[in-house]
Protein backbone atom coordinates (compact mmCIF):
# COMPACT_ATOMS: atom_id res chain seq x y z
CA MET A 1 2.00 29.59 -7.60
CA SER A 2 3.93 32.06 -5.74
CA ARG A 3 3.47 30.22 -2.53
CA LEU A 4 4.56 27.10 -3.96
CA TRP A 5 7.61 28.60 -5.32
CA ARG A 6 8.38 30.44 -2.08
CA SER A 7 8.02 26.86 -0.47
CA LEU A 8 10.54 25.35 -2.69
CA THR A 9 13.11 28.16 -2.27
CA ARG A 10 13.03 29.13 1.20
CA TRP A 11 15.33 27.27 3.76
CA PRO A 12 14.53 27.38 7.48
CA ASP A 13 16.81 29.26 9.91
CA ALA A 14 18.12 27.68 13.02
CA ASP A 15 14.94 28.40 14.94
CA GLY A 16 12.75 27.08 12.23
CA TRP A 17 14.86 23.89 12.26
CA ARG A 18 14.41 23.67 16.10
CA ASP A 19 10.76 24.04 15.91
CA CYS A 20 10.57 21.42 13.23
CA LEU A 21 12.62 19.03 15.37
CA ILE A 22 10.25 19.55 18.21
CA THR A 23 7.27 19.15 15.79
CA ALA A 24 8.68 15.98 14.47
CA ALA A 25 9.69 14.40 17.94
CA ALA A 26 6.04 14.96 19.02
CA ALA A 27 4.55 13.61 15.85
CA THR A 28 6.96 10.62 15.80
CA LEU A 29 5.76 9.93 19.52
CA VAL A 30 2.02 9.91 18.52
CA ILE A 31 2.54 7.86 15.26
CA ALA A 32 4.60 5.16 17.04
CA THR A 33 2.21 4.91 19.81
CA VAL A 34 -0.79 4.60 17.55
CA ALA A 35 1.00 2.33 15.13
CA GLY A 36 2.54 0.20 17.84
CA ALA A 37 -0.66 -0.27 19.79
CA SER A 38 -2.34 -1.18 16.61
CA GLY A 39 0.03 -3.70 15.27
CA LEU A 40 1.39 -1.63 12.26
CA LEU A 41 4.74 -1.76 13.64
CA GLY A 42 7.23 -4.86 14.00
CA TRP A 43 10.88 -5.18 13.71
CA TRP A 44 11.57 -6.69 10.37
CA PRO A 45 14.58 -4.75 9.00
CA LYS A 46 15.46 -5.04 5.29
CA ALA A 47 18.11 -3.58 3.54
CA ASP A 48 17.03 -2.11 0.24
CA PRO A 49 18.79 0.92 -1.37
CA ALA A 50 15.53 1.53 -3.43
CA LEU A 51 14.13 2.61 -0.07
CA LEU A 52 15.87 6.06 -0.58
CA LEU A 53 13.48 6.65 -3.49
CA VAL A 54 10.72 7.34 -1.02
CA PHE A 55 12.33 10.87 -0.54
CA VAL A 56 11.15 11.50 -4.10
CA VAL A 57 7.90 9.51 -4.19
CA PRO A 58 6.09 9.75 -1.96
CA ALA A 59 7.78 12.36 0.26
CA PHE A 60 8.58 15.17 -2.20
CA THR A 61 5.68 14.63 -4.51
CA GLU A 62 3.03 14.55 -1.77
CA GLU A 63 4.66 17.35 0.12
CA LEU A 64 4.70 19.38 -3.11
CA VAL A 65 1.00 18.70 -3.83
CA PHE A 66 -0.58 18.73 -0.31
CA ARG A 67 1.62 21.43 1.36
CA GLY A 68 3.24 23.37 -1.26
CA VAL A 69 0.45 25.84 -1.73
CA LEU A 70 -0.33 26.15 2.06
CA PRO A 71 0.23 29.59 3.66
CA ALA A 72 3.17 30.28 5.68
CA LYS A 73 2.92 32.17 8.87
CA GLY A 74 1.42 35.57 8.16
CA GLU A 75 0.02 34.64 4.76
CA SER A 76 -3.46 33.94 5.82
CA ALA A 77 -6.18 35.13 8.20
CA ARG A 78 -7.39 31.49 8.44
CA PRO A 79 -4.30 29.16 8.76
CA VAL A 80 -6.02 26.41 10.66
CA LEU A 81 -8.70 26.07 7.79
CA TRP A 82 -5.88 25.78 5.27
CA LEU A 83 -3.98 23.30 7.18
CA GLY A 84 -6.98 21.44 8.06
CA VAL A 85 -8.01 21.03 4.38
CA GLY A 86 -4.49 20.12 3.52
CA VAL A 87 -4.35 17.32 6.10
CA ALA A 88 -7.86 16.07 5.15
CA ALA A 89 -6.87 16.12 1.38
CA PHE A 90 -3.65 14.30 2.24
CA THR A 91 -5.30 11.71 4.32
CA GLY A 92 -8.05 11.18 1.76
CA TRP A 93 -5.53 10.65 -1.06
CA HIS A 94 -4.35 7.41 0.68
CA VAL A 95 -7.88 6.03 0.64
CA ILE A 96 -7.95 6.97 -3.36
CA GLU A 97 -4.59 5.37 -3.94
CA ALA A 98 -5.88 2.08 -2.27
CA LEU A 99 -9.19 2.18 -4.11
CA THR A 100 -7.58 2.86 -7.64
CA PHE A 101 -3.78 2.06 -8.50
CA LEU A 102 -2.32 0.60 -5.61
CA PRO A 103 -4.36 -2.63 -5.35
CA GLN A 104 -2.32 -3.96 -2.61
CA ALA A 105 -2.55 -1.06 -0.31
CA ARG A 106 -5.77 -2.20 1.52
CA LEU A 107 -3.99 -1.13 4.68
CA PHE A 108 -4.38 2.48 3.50
CA LEU A 109 -8.18 2.05 4.12
CA GLU A 110 -7.80 1.05 7.85
CA PRO A 111 -8.53 3.74 10.54
CA ARG A 112 -5.15 2.96 12.39
CA PHE A 113 -3.04 3.76 9.08
CA LEU A 114 -5.23 6.84 8.28
CA ALA A 115 -4.69 8.14 11.78
CA CYS A 116 -1.01 7.76 11.50
CA ALA A 117 -1.07 9.47 8.00
CA ALA A 118 -3.22 12.36 9.33
CA MET A 119 -0.61 12.78 12.01
CA LEU A 120 2.27 12.84 9.66
CA GLY A 121 0.24 15.32 7.49
CA THR A 122 -0.41 17.45 10.41
CA ALA A 123 3.27 17.53 11.39
CA CYS A 124 4.40 18.39 7.88
CA ALA A 125 1.69 21.05 7.40
CA VAL A 126 2.78 22.67 10.82
CA MET A 127 6.47 22.64 9.64
CA ARG A 128 5.58 24.27 6.31
CA TYR A 129 3.53 26.84 8.07
CA ARG A 130 6.04 27.66 10.79
CA THR A 131 8.96 27.97 8.42
CA GLY A 132 7.53 28.67 4.88
CA SER A 133 9.69 25.92 3.62
CA LEU A 134 8.62 22.54 2.05
CA TRP A 135 12.01 20.77 2.79
CA PRO A 136 11.64 20.17 6.51
CA GLY A 137 8.35 18.15 5.67
CA VAL A 138 9.85 16.34 2.97
CA LEU A 139 12.68 15.20 5.09
CA PHE A 140 10.38 14.14 7.99
CA HIS A 141 8.03 12.46 5.56
CA GLY A 142 10.78 10.46 3.93
CA LEU A 143 12.40 9.40 7.21
CA VAL A 144 9.03 8.21 8.54
CA VAL A 145 8.37 6.25 5.34
CA VAL A 146 12.04 4.80 5.26
CA ILE A 147 11.95 3.68 8.87
CA TRP A 148 8.36 2.11 8.40
CA GLN A 149 9.25 0.33 5.36
CA GLY A 150 13.04 -0.30 5.99
CA LEU A 151 12.82 -1.28 9.71
CA CYS A 152 9.14 -1.75 10.90
CA GLY A 153 7.65 -4.10 8.33
CA GLY A 154 5.78 -1.65 6.23
CA PRO A 155 5.24 -2.61 2.71
CA SER A 156 7.38 -1.28 0.01
CA SER A 157 6.08 0.82 -2.86
CA LEU A 158 6.48 -2.04 -5.21
CA GLU A 159 4.56 -4.48 -2.89
CA LEU A 160 1.63 -2.08 -2.96
CA MET A 161 1.45 -1.90 -6.75
CA ARG A 162 1.27 -5.67 -7.30
């Protein structure tokens, strides 16, 4: 619980935010390349203020569950193992969602989506590890989902639940 609490109460310094920006830029490039090449991206803007709720669910809740207890730099002798387990659990969670309570989320079972989810999870885990803070990952995760759902044709959370 102490790692979780520290991740919520720690705020990155300027160098930490710079590292997160670089990580986010690299991850965005990979995600956009995979998503664009595989047909996950289009240009279908929709104005929906409810999109901002993605900063709570899934961004905050998933970051809390899958990255909140990960070690920060210097807290573990095996950080790569921890980060790998966190990314695998995060990616696997999307499969569980599609097979259980998000009946319209069949997209979550496709390798192209799972590759993007794994890259997002990796970037957020790296941000958490480098800064010790959950907040850069929450921000990045939320922005990726808002852009995908609000501009690039991704299904809304409501559409996935129908």
